[in-house]
Amino acid sequence: FPVAVRMVYQVANAVNIPVVGMGGVSKAEDVIEIMLAGATAVEIGAQNLIDPFCARDIINDLPRVMEKYGINNLNEIIGGVK
């Protein structure tokens, strides 16, 4: 996951098109982190093989995590790390 975050950051800063973050996303905190790196969308891959309900669980947990970090709108955090 740390390598995925780094790569999203580098790609998002190199291009002017939306970037999909992927690579080790398994919880709502990962979604926030990868979007801060510059992803405009997030893909969940291998975690679906471990837990077929992970996408549902991440979506359900996202409002709690957003509140924890004071995030009102996910669009506000895209590329928040510079």
PDB file of N, CA and C in Angstrom:
ATOM      1  N   PHE A   1       0.801  -1.203   0.000  1.00  0.00           N
ATOM      2  CA  PHE A   1       0.000   0.000   0.000  1.00  0.00           C
ATOM      3  C   PHE A   1       0.850   1.276   0.000  1.00  0.00           C
ATOM      4  N   PRO A   2       1.920   1.342   0.784  1.00  0.00           N
ATOM      5  CA  PRO A   2       2.743   2.565   0.748  1.00  0.00           C
ATOM      6  C   PRO A   2       3.310   2.858  -0.647  1.00  0.00           C
ATOM      7  N   VAL A   3       3.673   1.824  -1.372  1.00  0.00           N
ATOM      8  CA  VAL A   3       4.184   2.024  -2.732  1.00  0.00           C
ATOM      9  C   VAL A   3       3.062   2.545  -3.634  1.00  0.00           C
ATOM     10  N   ALA A   4       1.866   2.017  -3.471  1.00  0.00           N
ATOM     11  CA  ALA A   4       0.718   2.482  -4.269  1.00  0.00           C
ATOM     12  C   ALA A   4       0.449   3.959  -4.008  1.00  0.00           C
ATOM     13  N   VAL A   5       0.496   4.368  -2.747  1.00  0.00           N
ATOM     14  CA  VAL A   5       0.273   5.784  -2.404  1.00  0.00           C
ATOM     15  C   VAL A   5       1.331   6.654  -3.062  1.00  0.00           C
ATOM     16  N   ARG A   6       2.568   6.220  -2.998  1.00  0.00           N
ATOM     17  CA  ARG A   6       3.660   6.976  -3.619  1.00  0.00           C
ATOM     18  C   ARG A   6       3.457   7.102  -5.129  1.00  0.00           C
ATOM     19  N   MET A   7       3.070   6.002  -5.761  1.00  0.00           N
ATOM     20  CA  MET A   7       2.877   6.022  -7.211  1.00  0.00           C
ATOM     21  C   MET A   7       1.689   6.899  -7.607  1.00  0.00           C
ATOM     22  N   VAL A   8       0.609   6.853  -6.852  1.00  0.00           N
ATOM     23  CA  VAL A   8      -0.536   7.729  -7.125  1.00  0.00           C
ATOM     24  C   VAL A   8      -0.089   9.181  -7.020  1.00  0.00           C
ATOM     25  N   TYR A   9       0.667   9.492  -5.985  1.00  0.00           N
ATOM     26  CA  TYR A   9       1.164  10.858  -5.800  1.00  0.00           C
ATOM     27  C   TYR A   9       2.000  11.307  -7.000  1.00  0.00           C
ATOM     28  N   GLN A  10       2.916  10.462  -7.422  1.00  0.00           N
ATOM     29  CA  GLN A  10       3.786  10.821  -8.534  1.00  0.00           C
ATOM     30  C   GLN A  10       3.004  10.973  -9.844  1.00  0.00           C
ATOM     31  N   VAL A  11       2.116  10.056 -10.116  1.00  0.00           N
ATOM     32  CA  VAL A  11       1.342  10.115 -11.360  1.00  0.00           C
ATOM     33  C   VAL A  11       0.402  11.316 -11.347  1.00  0.00           C
ATOM     34  N   ALA A  12      -0.284  11.534 -10.226  1.00  0.00           N
ATOM     35  CA  ALA A  12      -1.231  12.655 -10.136  1.00  0.00           C
ATOM     36  C   ALA A  12      -0.538  13.994 -10.331  1.00  0.00           C
ATOM     37  N   ASN A  13       0.726  14.082  -9.940  1.00  0.00           N
ATOM     38  CA  ASN A  13       1.474  15.320 -10.113  1.00  0.00           C
ATOM     39  C   ASN A  13       2.128  15.433 -11.482  1.00  0.00           C
ATOM     40  N   ALA A  14       2.081  14.359 -12.261  1.00  0.00           N
ATOM     41  CA  ALA A  14       2.715  14.361 -13.578  1.00  0.00           C
ATOM     42  C   ALA A  14       1.718  14.519 -14.726  1.00  0.00           C
ATOM     43  N   VAL A  15       0.433  14.271 -14.458  1.00  0.00           N
ATOM     44  CA  VAL A  15      -0.571  14.321 -15.521  1.00  0.00           C
ATOM     45  C   VAL A  15      -1.726  15.236 -15.124  1.00  0.00           C
ATOM     46  N   ASN A  16      -2.512  15.619 -16.104  1.00  0.00           N
ATOM     47  CA  ASN A  16      -3.674  16.466 -15.855  1.00  0.00           C
ATOM     48  C   ASN A  16      -4.968  15.727 -16.172  1.00  0.00           C
ATOM     49  N   ILE A  17      -5.019  14.460 -15.807  1.00  0.00           N
ATOM     50  CA  ILE A  17      -6.218  13.645 -15.990  1.00  0.00           C
ATOM     51  C   ILE A  17      -6.524  12.955 -14.655  1.00  0.00           C
ATOM     52  N   PRO A  18      -7.751  12.503 -14.467  1.00  0.00           N
ATOM     53  CA  PRO A  18      -8.070  11.799 -13.218  1.00  0.00           C
ATOM     54  C   PRO A  18      -7.223  10.533 -13.056  1.00  0.00           C
ATOM     55  N   VAL A  19      -6.867  10.249 -11.820  1.00  0.00           N
ATOM     56  CA  VAL A  19      -6.057   9.078 -11.491  1.00  0.00           C
ATOM     57  C   VAL A  19      -6.881   8.173 -10.575  1.00  0.00           C
ATOM     58  N   VAL A  20      -6.883   6.885 -10.888  1.00  0.00           N
ATOM     59  CA  VAL A  20      -7.558   5.901 -10.048  1.00  0.00           C
ATOM     60  C   VAL A  20      -6.515   5.284  -9.126  1.00  0.00           C
ATOM     61  N   GLY A  21      -6.747   5.380  -7.824  1.00  0.00           N
ATOM     62  CA  GLY A  21      -5.832   4.802  -6.852  1.00  0.00           C
ATOM     63  C   GLY A  21      -6.153   3.347  -6.606  1.00  0.00           C
ATOM     64  N   MET A  22      -5.135   2.498  -6.638  1.00  0.00           N
ATOM     65  CA  MET A  22      -5.328   1.067  -6.374  1.00  0.00           C
ATOM     66  C   MET A  22      -4.035   0.489  -5.849  1.00  0.00           C
ATOM     67  N   GLY A  23      -4.181  -0.645  -5.186  1.00  0.00           N
ATOM     68  CA  GLY A  23      -2.995  -1.328  -4.678  1.00  0.00           C
ATOM     69  C   GLY A  23      -2.981  -1.439  -3.172  1.00  0.00           C
ATOM     70  N   GLY A  24      -3.735  -2.352  -2.638  1.00  0.00           N
ATOM     71  CA  GLY A  24      -3.708  -2.590  -1.207  1.00  0.00           C
ATOM     72  C   GLY A  24      -4.780  -1.880  -0.409  1.00  0.00           C
ATOM     73  N   VAL A  25      -5.756  -1.312  -1.063  1.00  0.00           N
ATOM     74  CA  VAL A  25      -6.839  -0.634  -0.356  1.00  0.00           C
ATOM     75  C   VAL A  25      -7.713  -1.689   0.320  1.00  0.00           C
ATOM     76  N   SER A  26      -7.836  -1.587   1.654  1.00  0.00           N
ATOM     77  CA  SER A  26      -8.610  -2.588   2.382  1.00  0.00           C
ATOM     78  C   SER A  26      -9.508  -1.999   3.457  1.00  0.00           C
ATOM     79  N   LYS A  27      -9.420  -0.685   3.683  1.00  0.00           N
ATOM     80  CA  LYS A  27     -10.260  -0.052   4.700  1.00  0.00           C
ATOM     81  C   LYS A  27     -10.486   1.417   4.347  1.00  0.00           C
ATOM     82  N   ALA A  28     -11.422   2.035   5.053  1.00  0.00           N
ATOM     83  CA  ALA A  28     -11.803   3.421   4.753  1.00  0.00           C
ATOM     84  C   ALA A  28     -10.622   4.381   4.913  1.00  0.00           C
ATOM     85  N   GLU A  29      -9.767   4.144   5.875  1.00  0.00           N
ATOM     86  CA  GLU A  29      -8.596   5.006   6.067  1.00  0.00           C
ATOM     87  C   GLU A  29      -7.689   4.982   4.833  1.00  0.00           C
ATOM     88  N   ASP A  30      -7.608   3.822   4.180  1.00  0.00           N
ATOM     89  CA  ASP A  30      -6.805   3.709   2.958  1.00  0.00           C
ATOM     90  C   ASP A  30      -7.380   4.574   1.846  1.00  0.00           C
ATOM     91  N   VAL A  31      -8.698   4.632   1.766  1.00  0.00           N
ATOM     92  CA  VAL A  31      -9.354   5.471   0.757  1.00  0.00           C
ATOM     93  C   VAL A  31      -8.961   6.928   0.964  1.00  0.00           C
ATOM     94  N   ILE A  32      -9.030   7.390   2.206  1.00  0.00           N
ATOM     95  CA  ILE A  32      -8.664   8.775   2.518  1.00  0.00           C
ATOM     96  C   ILE A  32      -7.204   9.028   2.143  1.00  0.00           C
ATOM     97  N   GLU A  33      -6.325   8.130   2.523  1.00  0.00           N
ATOM     98  CA  GLU A  33      -4.892   8.312   2.270  1.00  0.00           C
ATOM     99  C   GLU A  33      -4.572   8.366   0.782  1.00  0.00           C
ATOM    100  N   ILE A  34      -5.164   7.480   0.020  1.00  0.00           N
ATOM    101  CA  ILE A  34      -4.845   7.427  -1.407  1.00  0.00           C
ATOM    102  C   ILE A  34      -5.465   8.617  -2.157  1.00  0.00           C
ATOM    103  N   MET A  35      -6.602   9.117  -1.648  1.00  0.00           N
ATOM    104  CA  MET A  35      -7.188  10.321  -2.253  1.00  0.00           C
ATOM    105  C   MET A  35      -6.364  11.557  -1.904  1.00  0.00           C
ATOM    106  N   LEU A  36      -5.832  11.609  -0.697  1.00  0.00           N
ATOM    107  CA  LEU A  36      -4.935  12.716  -0.342  1.00  0.00           C
ATOM    108  C   LEU A  36      -3.712  12.737  -1.247  1.00  0.00           C
ATOM    109  N   ALA A  37      -3.286  11.565  -1.681  1.00  0.00           N
ATOM    110  CA  ALA A  37      -2.133  11.473  -2.582  1.00  0.00           C
ATOM    111  C   ALA A  37      -2.468  11.935  -3.996  1.00  0.00           C
ATOM    112  N   GLY A  38      -3.774  12.029  -4.326  1.00  0.00           N
ATOM    113  CA  GLY A  38      -4.139  12.543  -5.637  1.00  0.00           C
ATOM    114  C   GLY A  38      -5.141  11.733  -6.426  1.00  0.00           C
ATOM    115  N   ALA A  39      -5.591  10.602  -5.894  1.00  0.00           N
ATOM    116  CA  ALA A  39      -6.562   9.784  -6.615  1.00  0.00           C
ATOM    117  C   ALA A  39      -7.938  10.451  -6.609  1.00  0.00           C
ATOM    118  N   THR A  40      -8.606  10.420  -7.749  1.00  0.00           N
ATOM    119  CA  THR A  40      -9.970  10.931  -7.826  1.00  0.00           C
ATOM    120  C   THR A  40     -10.983   9.805  -7.671  1.00  0.00           C
ATOM    121  N   ALA A  41     -10.528   8.579  -7.791  1.00  0.00           N
ATOM    122  CA  ALA A  41     -11.356   7.395  -7.578  1.00  0.00           C
ATOM    123  C   ALA A  41     -10.460   6.320  -6.969  1.00  0.00           C
ATOM    124  N   VAL A  42     -11.089   5.353  -6.317  1.00  0.00           N
ATOM    125  CA  VAL A  42     -10.334   4.302  -5.644  1.00  0.00           C
ATOM    126  C   VAL A  42     -10.886   2.945  -6.062  1.00  0.00           C
ATOM    127  N   GLU A  43      -9.978   2.025  -6.368  1.00  0.00           N
ATOM    128  CA  GLU A  43     -10.334   0.672  -6.780  1.00  0.00           C
ATOM    129  C   GLU A  43      -9.942  -0.295  -5.678  1.00  0.00           C
ATOM    130  N   ILE A  44     -10.806  -1.249  -5.412  1.00  0.00           N
ATOM    131  CA  ILE A  44     -10.517  -2.295  -4.441  1.00  0.00           C
ATOM    132  C   ILE A  44     -10.355  -3.595  -5.220  1.00  0.00           C
ATOM    133  N   GLY A  45      -9.194  -4.204  -5.117  1.00  0.00           N
ATOM    134  CA  GLY A  45      -8.919  -5.394  -5.917  1.00  0.00           C
ATOM    135  C   GLY A  45      -8.867  -6.658  -5.101  1.00  0.00           C
ATOM    136  N   ALA A  46      -7.690  -7.070  -4.713  1.00  0.00           N
ATOM    137  CA  ALA A  46      -7.472  -8.366  -4.072  1.00  0.00           C
ATOM    138  C   ALA A  46      -8.248  -8.519  -2.768  1.00  0.00           C
ATOM    139  N   GLN A  47      -8.512  -7.418  -2.100  1.00  0.00           N
ATOM    140  CA  GLN A  47      -9.273  -7.514  -0.846  1.00  0.00           C
ATOM    141  C   GLN A  47     -10.645  -8.153  -1.075  1.00  0.00           C
ATOM    142  N   ASN A  48     -11.184  -8.003  -2.291  1.00  0.00           N
ATOM    143  CA  ASN A  48     -12.464  -8.636  -2.621  1.00  0.00           C
ATOM    144  C   ASN A  48     -12.384 -10.159  -2.559  1.00  0.00           C
ATOM    145  N   LEU A  49     -11.200 -10.705  -2.803  1.00  0.00           N
ATOM    146  CA  LEU A  49     -11.022 -12.155  -2.730  1.00  0.00           C
ATOM    147  C   LEU A  49     -10.997 -12.641  -1.289  1.00  0.00           C
ATOM    148  N   ILE A  50     -10.521 -11.795  -0.397  1.00  0.00           N
ATOM    149  CA  ILE A  50     -10.461 -12.137   1.019  1.00  0.00           C
ATOM    150  C   ILE A  50     -11.820 -11.915   1.682  1.00  0.00           C
ATOM    151  N   ASP A  51     -12.443 -10.788   1.323  1.00  0.00           N
ATOM    152  CA  ASP A  51     -13.727 -10.400   1.915  1.00  0.00           C
ATOM    153  C   ASP A  51     -14.636  -9.857   0.824  1.00  0.00           C
ATOM    154  N   PRO A  52     -15.561 -10.665   0.339  1.00  0.00           N
ATOM    155  CA  PRO A  52     -16.432 -10.212  -0.757  1.00  0.00           C
ATOM    156  C   PRO A  52     -17.301  -9.015  -0.403  1.00  0.00           C
ATOM    157  N   PHE A  53     -17.411  -8.682   0.879  1.00  0.00           N
ATOM    158  CA  PHE A  53     -18.229  -7.550   1.312  1.00  0.00           C
ATOM    159  C   PHE A  53     -17.389  -6.326   1.684  1.00  0.00           C
ATOM    160  N   CYS A  54     -16.109  -6.340   1.331  1.00  0.00           N
ATOM    161  CA  CYS A  54     -15.220  -5.250   1.744  1.00  0.00           C
ATOM    162  C   CYS A  54     -15.638  -3.899   1.167  1.00  0.00           C
ATOM    163  N   ALA A  55     -16.085  -3.852  -0.073  1.00  0.00           N
ATOM    164  CA  ALA A  55     -16.490  -2.570  -0.663  1.00  0.00           C
ATOM    165  C   ALA A  55     -17.670  -1.989   0.108  1.00  0.00           C
ATOM    166  N   ARG A  56     -18.639  -2.827   0.412  1.00  0.00           N
ATOM    167  CA  ARG A  56     -19.792  -2.378   1.200  1.00  0.00           C
ATOM    168  C   ARG A  56     -19.340  -1.863   2.563  1.00  0.00           C
ATOM    169  N   ASP A  57     -18.450  -2.617   3.213  1.00  0.00           N
ATOM    170  CA  ASP A  57     -17.985  -2.237   4.544  1.00  0.00           C
ATOM    171  C   ASP A  57     -17.185  -0.941   4.517  1.00  0.00           C
ATOM    172  N   ILE A  58     -16.361  -0.763   3.497  1.00  0.00           N
ATOM    173  CA  ILE A  58     -15.589   0.472   3.359  1.00  0.00           C
ATOM    174  C   ILE A  58     -16.528   1.653   3.150  1.00  0.00           C
ATOM    175  N   ILE A  59     -17.495   1.494   2.274  1.00  0.00           N
ATOM    176  CA  ILE A  59     -18.455   2.578   2.009  1.00  0.00           C
ATOM    177  C   ILE A  59     -19.230   2.920   3.276  1.00  0.00           C
ATOM    178  N   ASN A  60     -19.648   1.914   4.025  1.00  0.00           N
ATOM    179  CA  ASN A  60     -20.391   2.160   5.260  1.00  0.00           C
ATOM    180  C   ASN A  60     -19.534   2.826   6.327  1.00  0.00           C
ATOM    181  N   ASP A  61     -18.231   2.550   6.345  1.00  0.00           N
ATOM    182  CA  ASP A  61     -17.329   3.107   7.356  1.00  0.00           C
ATOM    183  C   ASP A  61     -16.785   4.484   6.960  1.00  0.00           C
ATOM    184  N   LEU A  62     -16.862   4.825   5.707  1.00  0.00           N
ATOM    185  CA  LEU A  62     -16.281   6.085   5.224  1.00  0.00           C
ATOM    186  C   LEU A  62     -16.833   7.324   5.935  1.00  0.00           C
ATOM    187  N   PRO A  63     -18.137   7.448   6.176  1.00  0.00           N
ATOM    188  CA  PRO A  63     -18.617   8.639   6.894  1.00  0.00           C
ATOM    189  C   PRO A  63     -18.001   8.789   8.287  1.00  0.00           C
ATOM    190  N   ARG A  64     -17.802   7.687   8.991  1.00  0.00           N
ATOM    191  CA  ARG A  64     -17.183   7.745  10.326  1.00  0.00           C
ATOM    192  C   ARG A  64     -15.741   8.249  10.233  1.00  0.00           C
ATOM    193  N   VAL A  65     -15.005   7.734   9.271  1.00  0.00           N
ATOM    194  CA  VAL A  65     -13.608   8.135   9.108  1.00  0.00           C
ATOM    195  C   VAL A  65     -13.519   9.591   8.654  1.00  0.00           C
ATOM    196  N   MET A  66     -14.419   9.987   7.762  1.00  0.00           N
ATOM    197  CA  MET A  66     -14.439  11.385   7.326  1.00  0.00           C
ATOM    198  C   MET A  66     -14.704  12.311   8.507  1.00  0.00           C
ATOM    199  N   GLU A  67     -15.653  11.943   9.359  1.00  0.00           N
ATOM    200  CA  GLU A  67     -15.950  12.760  10.541  1.00  0.00           C
ATOM    201  C   GLU A  67     -14.748  12.813  11.482  1.00  0.00           C
ATOM    202  N   LYS A  68     -14.077  11.673  11.648  1.00  0.00           N
ATOM    203  CA  LYS A  68     -12.897  11.588  12.520  1.00  0.00           C
ATOM    204  C   LYS A  68     -11.832  12.596  12.095  1.00  0.00           C
ATOM    205  N   TYR A  69     -11.658  12.777  10.786  1.00  0.00           N
ATOM    206  CA  TYR A  69     -10.631  13.678  10.273  1.00  0.00           C
ATOM    207  C   TYR A  69     -11.176  15.038   9.838  1.00  0.00           C
ATOM    208  N   GLY A  70     -12.445  15.303  10.108  1.00  0.00           N
ATOM    209  CA  GLY A  70     -13.028  16.599   9.788  1.00  0.00           C
ATOM    210  C   GLY A  70     -13.197  16.842   8.301  1.00  0.00           C
ATOM    211  N   ILE A  71     -13.471  15.796   7.558  1.00  0.00           N
ATOM    212  CA  ILE A  71     -13.649  15.899   6.109  1.00  0.00           C
ATOM    213  C   ILE A  71     -15.140  15.954   5.809  1.00  0.00           C
ATOM    214  N   ASN A  72     -15.576  17.013   5.136  1.00  0.00           N
ATOM    215  CA  ASN A  72     -16.982  17.155   4.790  1.00  0.00           C
ATOM    216  C   ASN A  72     -17.297  16.601   3.406  1.00  0.00           C
ATOM    217  N   ASN A  73     -16.326  16.672   2.515  1.00  0.00           N
ATOM    218  CA  ASN A  73     -16.538  16.279   1.128  1.00  0.00           C
ATOM    219  C   ASN A  73     -15.244  15.649   0.611  1.00  0.00           C
ATOM    220  N   LEU A  74     -15.336  14.460   0.071  1.00  0.00           N
ATOM    221  CA  LEU A  74     -14.120  13.781  -0.427  1.00  0.00           C
ATOM    222  C   LEU A  74     -13.435  14.565  -1.529  1.00  0.00           C
ATOM    223  N   ASN A  75     -14.196  15.308  -2.323  1.00  0.00           N
ATOM    224  CA  ASN A  75     -13.581  16.092  -3.394  1.00  0.00           C
ATOM    225  C   ASN A  75     -12.610  17.134  -2.851  1.00  0.00           C
ATOM    226  N   GLU A  76     -12.816  17.572  -1.621  1.00  0.00           N
ATOM    227  CA  GLU A  76     -11.941  18.587  -1.025  1.00  0.00           C
ATOM    228  C   GLU A  76     -10.550  18.053  -0.719  1.00  0.00           C
ATOM    229  N   ILE A  77     -10.403  16.746  -0.560  1.00  0.00           N
ATOM    230  CA  ILE A  77      -9.096  16.213  -0.126  1.00  0.00           C
ATOM    231  C   ILE A  77      -8.269  15.668  -1.287  1.00  0.00           C
ATOM    232  N   ILE A  78      -8.828  15.585  -2.484  1.00  0.00           N
ATOM    233  CA  ILE A  78      -8.081  15.017  -3.607  1.00  0.00           C
ATOM    234  C   ILE A  78      -6.804  15.817  -3.833  1.00  0.00           C
ATOM    235  N   GLY A  79      -5.687  15.147  -3.728  1.00  0.00           N
ATOM    236  CA  GLY A  79      -4.402  15.809  -3.926  1.00  0.00           C
ATOM    237  C   GLY A  79      -4.041  16.765  -2.811  1.00  0.00           C
ATOM    238  N   GLY A  80      -4.592  16.553  -1.626  1.00  0.00           N
ATOM    239  CA  GLY A  80      -4.357  17.446  -0.505  1.00  0.00           C
ATOM    240  C   GLY A  80      -2.922  17.441  -0.001  1.00  0.00           C
ATOM    241  N   VAL A  81      -2.173  16.427  -0.329  1.00  0.00           N
ATOM    242  CA  VAL A  81      -0.769  16.345   0.080  1.00  0.00           C
ATOM    243  C   VAL A  81       0.072  16.897  -1.059  1.00  0.00           C
ATOM    244  N   LYS A  82       0.810  17.934  -0.801  1.00  0.00           N
ATOM    245  CA  LYS A  82       1.680  18.531  -1.835  1.00  0.00           C
ATOM    246  C   LYS A  82       3.105  18.581  -1.366  1.00  0.00           C
TER     247      LYS A  82
END
